[in-house]
PDB file of N, CA and C in Angstrom:
ATOM      1  N   MET A   1     115.327  68.248 123.102  1.00  0.00           N
ATOM      2  CA  MET A   1     116.656  67.877 123.542  1.00  0.00           C
ATOM      3  C   MET A   1     117.272  66.977 122.481  1.00  0.00           C
ATOM      4  N   SER A   2     118.502  67.249 122.161  1.00  0.00           N
ATOM      5  CA  SER A   2     119.197  66.435 121.170  1.00  0.00           C
ATOM      6  C   SER A   2     119.673  65.127 121.800  1.00  0.00           C
ATOM      7  N   THR A   3     120.001  64.180 120.942  1.00  0.00           N
ATOM      8  CA  THR A   3     120.523  62.903 121.454  1.00  0.00           C
ATOM      9  C   THR A   3     121.861  63.124 122.146  1.00  0.00           C
ATOM     10  N   TRP A   4     122.627  64.093 121.664  1.00  0.00           N
ATOM     11  CA  TRP A   4     123.914  64.413 122.291  1.00  0.00           C
ATOM     12  C   TRP A   4     123.692  64.907 123.724  1.00  0.00           C
ATOM     13  N   ASP A   5     122.752  65.816 123.905  1.00  0.00           N
ATOM     14  CA  ASP A   5     122.437  66.328 125.236  1.00  0.00           C
ATOM     15  C   ASP A   5     121.919  65.216 126.143  1.00  0.00           C
ATOM     16  N   ALA A   6     121.075  64.351 125.588  1.00  0.00           N
ATOM     17  CA  ALA A   6     120.522  63.246 126.372  1.00  0.00           C
ATOM     18  C   ALA A   6     121.632  62.319 126.844  1.00  0.00           C
ATOM     19  N   ALA A   7     122.564  62.002 125.958  1.00  0.00           N
ATOM     20  CA  ALA A   7     123.685  61.126 126.333  1.00  0.00           C
ATOM     21  C   ALA A   7     124.539  61.778 127.409  1.00  0.00           C
ATOM     22  N   ASN A   8     124.804  63.064 127.271  1.00  0.00           N
ATOM     23  CA  ASN A   8     125.598  63.769 128.280  1.00  0.00           C
ATOM     24  C   ASN A   8     124.880  63.809 129.628  1.00  0.00           C
ATOM     25  N   ASN A   9     123.576  64.032 129.610  1.00  0.00           N
ATOM     26  CA  ASN A   9     122.799  64.045 130.852  1.00  0.00           C
ATOM     27  C   ASN A   9     122.830  62.685 131.532  1.00  0.00           C
ATOM     28  N   LEU A  10     122.721  61.625 130.747  1.00  0.00           N
ATOM     29  CA  LEU A  10     122.780  60.274 131.315  1.00  0.00           C
ATOM     30  C   LEU A  10     124.155  59.993 131.914  1.00  0.00           C
ATOM     31  N   GLU A  11     125.204  60.413 131.225  1.00  0.00           N
ATOM     32  CA  GLU A  11     126.550  60.208 131.756  1.00  0.00           C
ATOM     33  C   GLU A  11     126.758  60.992 133.053  1.00  0.00           C
ATOM     34  N   GLU A  12     126.202  62.195 133.123  1.00  0.00           N
ATOM     35  CA  GLU A  12     126.302  62.994 134.343  1.00  0.00           C
ATOM     36  C   GLU A  12     125.580  62.305 135.502  1.00  0.00           C
ATOM     37  N   LEU A  13     124.396  61.757 135.226  1.00  0.00           N
ATOM     38  CA  LEU A  13     123.661  61.011 136.256  1.00  0.00           C
ATOM     39  C   LEU A  13     124.466  59.806 136.728  1.00  0.00           C
ATOM     40  N   SER A  14     125.072  59.109 135.791  1.00  0.00           N
ATOM     41  CA  SER A  14     125.881  57.935 136.131  1.00  0.00           C
ATOM     42  C   SER A  14     127.054  58.337 137.028  1.00  0.00           C
ATOM     43  N   TYR A  15     127.703  59.440 136.702  1.00  0.00           N
ATOM     44  CA  TYR A  15     128.839  59.922 137.488  1.00  0.00           C
ATOM     45  C   TYR A  15     128.405  60.292 138.908  1.00  0.00           C
ATOM     46  N   LYS A  16     127.293  61.010 139.017  1.00  0.00           N
ATOM     47  CA  LYS A  16     126.798  61.405 140.339  1.00  0.00           C
ATOM     48  C   LYS A  16     126.393  60.185 141.157  1.00  0.00           C
ATOM     49  N   LEU A  17     125.745  59.231 140.525  1.00  0.00           N
ATOM     50  CA  LEU A  17     125.348  58.008 141.219  1.00  0.00           C
ATOM     51  C   LEU A  17     126.576  57.243 141.689  1.00  0.00           C
ATOM     52  N   SER A  18     127.616  57.229 140.874  1.00  0.00           N
ATOM     53  CA  SER A  18     128.863  56.572 141.255  1.00  0.00           C
ATOM     54  C   SER A  18     129.459  57.208 142.506  1.00  0.00           C
ATOM     55  N   ASN A  19     129.425  58.535 142.578  1.00  0.00           N
ATOM     56  CA  ASN A  19     129.948  59.224 143.761  1.00  0.00           C
ATOM     57  C   ASN A  19     129.143  58.875 145.012  1.00  0.00           C
ATOM     58  N   ILE A  20     127.827  58.848 144.882  1.00  0.00           N
ATOM     59  CA  ILE A  20     126.979  58.499 146.023  1.00  0.00           C
ATOM     60  C   ILE A  20     127.235  57.050 146.438  1.00  0.00           C
ATOM     61  N   ARG A  21     127.363  56.176 145.452  1.00  0.00           N
ATOM     62  CA  ARG A  21     127.632  54.766 145.731  1.00  0.00           C
ATOM     63  C   ARG A  21     128.946  54.604 146.501  1.00  0.00           C
ATOM     64  N   ASP A  22     129.957  55.379 146.118  1.00  0.00           N
ATOM     65  CA  ASP A  22     131.242  55.313 146.815  1.00  0.00           C
ATOM     66  C   ASP A  22     131.111  55.749 148.275  1.00  0.00           C
ATOM     67  N   VAL A  23     130.293  56.757 148.530  1.00  0.00           N
ATOM     68  CA  VAL A  23     130.066  57.209 149.910  1.00  0.00           C
ATOM     69  C   VAL A  23     129.355  56.117 150.708  1.00  0.00           C
ATOM     70  N   VAL A  24     128.351  55.490 150.117  1.00  0.00           N
ATOM     71  CA  VAL A  24     127.632  54.406 150.798  1.00  0.00           C
ATOM     72  C   VAL A  24     128.599  53.267 151.113  1.00  0.00           C
ATOM     73  N   GLU A  25     129.505  52.962 150.190  1.00  0.00           N
ATOM     74  CA  GLU A  25     130.490  51.906 150.425  1.00  0.00           C
ATOM     75  C   GLU A  25     131.377  52.253 151.617  1.00  0.00           C
ATOM     76  N   LEU A  26     131.840  53.496 151.686  1.00  0.00           N
ATOM     77  CA  LEU A  26     132.683  53.915 152.810  1.00  0.00           C
ATOM     78  C   LEU A  26     131.934  53.809 154.137  1.00  0.00           C
ATOM     79  N   ILE A  27     130.679  54.214 154.131  1.00  0.00           N
ATOM     80  CA  ILE A  27     129.868  54.124 155.348  1.00  0.00           C
ATOM     81  C   ILE A  27     129.684  52.663 155.748  1.00  0.00           C
ATOM     82  N   ALA A  28     129.375  51.819 154.773  1.00  0.00           N
ATOM     83  CA  ALA A  28     129.133  50.397 155.057  1.00  0.00           C
ATOM     84  C   ALA A  28     130.390  49.723 155.608  1.00  0.00           C
ATOM     85  N   GLN A  29     131.547  50.122 155.134  1.00  0.00           N
ATOM     86  CA  GLN A  29     132.798  49.532 155.615  1.00  0.00           C
ATOM     87  C   GLN A  29     133.082  49.899 157.068  1.00  0.00           C
ATOM     88  N   GLY A  30     132.619  51.076 157.485  1.00  0.00           N
ATOM     89  CA  GLY A  30     132.931  51.552 158.823  1.00  0.00           C
ATOM     90  C   GLY A  30     131.868  51.263 159.859  1.00  0.00           C
ATOM     91  N   VAL A  31     130.825  50.545 159.484  1.00  0.00           N
ATOM     92  CA  VAL A  31     129.713  50.303 160.400  1.00  0.00           C
ATOM     93  C   VAL A  31     129.787  48.887 160.941  1.00  0.00           C
ATOM     94  N   ASP A  32     129.801  48.762 162.271  1.00  0.00           N
ATOM     95  CA  ASP A  32     129.776  47.450 162.906  1.00  0.00           C
ATOM     96  C   ASP A  32     128.375  47.142 163.410  1.00  0.00           C
ATOM     97  N   ASP A  33     127.422  47.420 162.587  1.00  0.00           N
ATOM     98  CA  ASP A  33     126.015  47.276 162.935  1.00  0.00           C
ATOM     99  C   ASP A  33     125.428  46.117 162.138  1.00  0.00           C
ATOM    100  N   PRO A  34     124.580  45.322 162.760  1.00  0.00           N
ATOM    101  CA  PRO A  34     123.983  44.215 162.012  1.00  0.00           C
ATOM    102  C   PRO A  34     123.132  44.679 160.833  1.00  0.00           C
ATOM    103  N   HIS A  35     122.728  45.932 160.851  1.00  0.00           N
ATOM    104  CA  HIS A  35     121.918  46.461 159.756  1.00  0.00           C
ATOM    105  C   HIS A  35     122.773  46.990 158.611  1.00  0.00           C
ATOM    106  N   SER A  36     124.108  46.884 158.746  1.00  0.00           N
ATOM    107  CA  SER A  36     124.966  47.389 157.677  1.00  0.00           C
ATOM    108  C   SER A  36     124.757  46.596 156.391  1.00  0.00           C
ATOM    109  N   GLY A  37     124.189  45.405 156.497  1.00  0.00           N
ATOM    110  CA  GLY A  37     123.854  44.653 155.292  1.00  0.00           C
ATOM    111  C   GLY A  37     122.914  45.444 154.405  1.00  0.00           C
ATOM    112  N   ALA A  38     122.092  46.254 155.031  1.00  0.00           N
ATOM    113  CA  ALA A  38     121.182  47.104 154.268  1.00  0.00           C
ATOM    114  C   ALA A  38     121.981  48.117 153.441  1.00  0.00           C
ATOM    115  N   LEU A  39     123.072  48.631 154.009  1.00  0.00           N
ATOM    116  CA  LEU A  39     123.910  49.564 153.257  1.00  0.00           C
ATOM    117  C   LEU A  39     124.534  48.880 152.046  1.00  0.00           C
ATOM    118  N   TRP A  40     124.946  47.626 152.219  1.00  0.00           N
ATOM    119  CA  TRP A  40     125.528  46.900 151.086  1.00  0.00           C
ATOM    120  C   TRP A  40     124.462  46.622 150.030  1.00  0.00           C
ATOM    121  N   ALA A  41     123.227  46.407 150.461  1.00  0.00           N
ATOM    122  CA  ALA A  41     122.136  46.211 149.503  1.00  0.00           C
ATOM    123  C   ALA A  41     121.900  47.496 148.707  1.00  0.00           C
ATOM    124  N   VAL A  42     121.940  48.630 149.397  1.00  0.00           N
ATOM    125  CA  VAL A  42     121.791  49.924 148.719  1.00  0.00           C
ATOM    126  C   VAL A  42     122.941  50.108 147.735  1.00  0.00           C
ATOM    127  N   TYR A  43     124.146  49.797 148.169  1.00  0.00           N
ATOM    128  CA  TYR A  43     125.325  49.903 147.295  1.00  0.00           C
ATOM    129  C   TYR A  43     125.124  49.060 146.035  1.00  0.00           C
ATOM    130  N   SER A  44     124.662  47.841 146.217  1.00  0.00           N
ATOM    131  CA  SER A  44     124.457  46.932 145.088  1.00  0.00           C
ATOM    132  C   SER A  44     123.400  47.467 144.125  1.00  0.00           C
ATOM    133  N   MET A  45     122.309  47.991 144.679  1.00  0.00           N
ATOM    134  CA  MET A  45     121.258  48.553 143.828  1.00  0.00           C
ATOM    135  C   MET A  45     121.772  49.773 143.058  1.00  0.00           C
ATOM    136  N   MET A  46     122.556  50.604 143.721  1.00  0.00           N
ATOM    137  CA  MET A  46     123.098  51.781 143.065  1.00  0.00           C
ATOM    138  C   MET A  46     124.080  51.380 141.964  1.00  0.00           C
ATOM    139  N   ASP A  47     124.858  50.339 142.220  1.00  0.00           N
ATOM    140  CA  ASP A  47     125.793  49.838 141.218  1.00  0.00           C
ATOM    141  C   ASP A  47     125.031  49.341 139.992  1.00  0.00           C
ATOM    142  N   ASP A  48     123.937  48.634 140.227  1.00  0.00           N
ATOM    143  CA  ASP A  48     123.105  48.129 139.140  1.00  0.00           C
ATOM    144  C   ASP A  48     122.491  49.291 138.348  1.00  0.00           C
ATOM    145  N   LEU A  49     121.981  50.289 139.058  1.00  0.00           N
ATOM    146  CA  LEU A  49     121.410  51.464 138.384  1.00  0.00           C
ATOM    147  C   LEU A  49     122.453  52.195 137.545  1.00  0.00           C
ATOM    148  N   GLN A  50     123.645  52.320 138.092  1.00  0.00           N
ATOM    149  CA  GLN A  50     124.704  53.002 137.354  1.00  0.00           C
ATOM    150  C   GLN A  50     125.021  52.248 136.069  1.00  0.00           C
ATOM    151  N   SER A  51     125.075  50.936 136.139  1.00  0.00           N
ATOM    152  CA  SER A  51     125.339  50.131 134.942  1.00  0.00           C
ATOM    153  C   SER A  51     124.245  50.322 133.899  1.00  0.00           C
ATOM    154  N   LYS A  52     122.996  50.343 134.348  1.00  0.00           N
ATOM    155  CA  LYS A  52     121.876  50.524 133.416  1.00  0.00           C
ATOM    156  C   LYS A  52     121.892  51.917 132.790  1.00  0.00           C
ATOM    157  N   ILE A  53     122.217  52.929 133.585  1.00  0.00           N
ATOM    158  CA  ILE A  53     122.304  54.291 133.057  1.00  0.00           C
ATOM    159  C   ILE A  53     123.427  54.368 132.021  1.00  0.00           C
ATOM    160  N   TYR A  54     124.550  53.729 132.318  1.00  0.00           N
ATOM    161  CA  TYR A  54     125.673  53.735 131.386  1.00  0.00           C
ATOM    162  C   TYR A  54     125.278  53.081 130.059  1.00  0.00           C
ATOM    163  N   ILE A  55     124.578  51.969 130.125  1.00  0.00           N
ATOM    164  CA  ILE A  55     124.130  51.275 128.916  1.00  0.00           C
ATOM    165  C   ILE A  55     123.192  52.168 128.113  1.00  0.00           C
ATOM    166  N   GLN A  56     122.253  52.828 128.803  1.00  0.00           N
ATOM    167  CA  GLN A  56     121.336  53.736 128.113  1.00  0.00           C
ATOM    168  C   GLN A  56     122.095  54.889 127.463  1.00  0.00           C
ATOM    169  N   SER A  57     123.089  55.410 128.154  1.00  0.00           N
ATOM    170  CA  SER A  57     123.896  56.499 127.618  1.00  0.00           C
ATOM    171  C   SER A  57     124.602  56.061 126.346  1.00  0.00           C
ATOM    172  N   GLU A  58     125.162  54.870 126.360  1.00  0.00           N
ATOM    173  CA  GLU A  58     125.831  54.344 125.168  1.00  0.00           C
ATOM    174  C   GLU A  58     124.852  54.173 124.014  1.00  0.00           C
ATOM    175  N   MET A  59     123.648  53.700 124.314  1.00  0.00           N
ATOM    176  CA  MET A  59     122.640  53.524 123.270  1.00  0.00           C
ATOM    177  C   MET A  59     122.252  54.870 122.653  1.00  0.00           C
ATOM    178  N   VAL A  60     122.068  55.877 123.487  1.00  0.00           N
ATOM    179  CA  VAL A  60     121.703  57.203 122.988  1.00  0.00           C
ATOM    180  C   VAL A  60     122.856  57.791 122.180  1.00  0.00           C
ATOM    181  N   MET A  61     124.080  57.601 122.646  1.00  0.00           N
ATOM    182  CA  MET A  61     125.239  58.113 121.908  1.00  0.00           C
ATOM    183  C   MET A  61     125.360  57.426 120.553  1.00  0.00           C
ATOM    184  N   ASN A  62     125.112  56.127 120.498  1.00  0.00           N
ATOM    185  CA  ASN A  62     125.139  55.416 119.223  1.00  0.00           C
ATOM    186  C   ASN A  62     124.051  55.939 118.286  1.00  0.00           C
ATOM    187  N   LEU A  63     122.889  56.245 118.837  1.00  0.00           N
ATOM    188  CA  LEU A  63     121.807  56.830 118.050  1.00  0.00           C
ATOM    189  C   LEU A  63     122.232  58.195 117.504  1.00  0.00           C
ATOM    190  N   HIS A  64     122.882  58.981 118.342  1.00  0.00           N
ATOM    191  CA  HIS A  64     123.375  60.290 117.917  1.00  0.00           C
ATOM    192  C   HIS A  64     124.373  60.140 116.766  1.00  0.00           C
ATOM    193  N   ARG A  65     125.291  59.189 116.893  1.00  0.00           N
ATOM    194  CA  ARG A  65     126.279  58.962 115.831  1.00  0.00           C
ATOM    195  C   ARG A  65     125.592  58.557 114.523  1.00  0.00           C
ATOM    196  N   ALA A  66     124.607  57.680 114.644  1.00  0.00           N
ATOM    197  CA  ALA A  66     123.880  57.231 113.445  1.00  0.00           C
ATOM    198  C   ALA A  66     123.125  58.405 112.804  1.00  0.00           C
ATOM    199  N   GLU A  67     122.499  59.236 113.627  1.00  0.00           N
ATOM    200  CA  GLU A  67     121.784  60.402 113.102  1.00  0.00           C
ATOM    201  C   GLU A  67     122.747  61.387 112.451  1.00  0.00           C
ATOM    202  N   SER A  68     123.896  61.582 113.060  1.00  0.00           N
ATOM    203  CA  SER A  68     124.896  62.500 112.495  1.00  0.00           C
ATOM    204  C   SER A  68     125.421  61.970 111.174  1.00  0.00           C
ATOM    205  N   LYS A  69     125.682  60.693 111.120  1.00  0.00           N
ATOM    206  CA  LYS A  69     126.179  60.072 109.904  1.00  0.00           C
ATOM    207  C   LYS A  69     125.150  60.177 108.775  1.00  0.00           C
ATOM    208  N   LYS A  70     123.871  59.952 109.142  1.00  0.00           N
ATOM    209  CA  LYS A  70     122.779  60.020 108.166  1.00  0.00           C
ATOM    210  C   LYS A  70     122.617  61.451 107.649  1.00  0.00           C
ATOM    211  N   ALA A  71     122.769  62.420 108.533  1.00  0.00           N
ATOM    212  CA  ALA A  71     122.606  63.824 108.148  1.00  0.00           C
ATOM    213  C   ALA A  71     123.720  64.281 107.206  1.00  0.00           C
ATOM    214  N   LYS A  72     124.894  63.683 107.318  1.00  0.00           N
ATOM    215  CA  LYS A  72     126.028  64.059 106.467  1.00  0.00           C
ATOM    216  C   LYS A  72     125.865  63.532 105.044  1.00  0.00           C
ATOM    217  N   LYS A  73     125.045  62.508 104.863  1.00  0.00           N
ATOM    218  CA  LYS A  73     124.884  61.920 103.538  1.00  0.00           C
ATOM    219  C   LYS A  73     124.006  62.749 102.657  1.00  0.00           C
TER     220      LYS A  73
END
């Protein structure tokens, strides 16, 4: 797998996780249950994971750019 493909796959995962996180947020907003705090905890964890995936994607994309630049020389 190329670094370009890896970066795209990571971005796709981040996008899908963002969509799931948004659904969890909507559910948590509409729940008058004392356990809804658990939904907010899940939301927070998903938000953290999405941020980490995004950072990894940027790192892989930067690696791809460096490899492409090196190959052109």
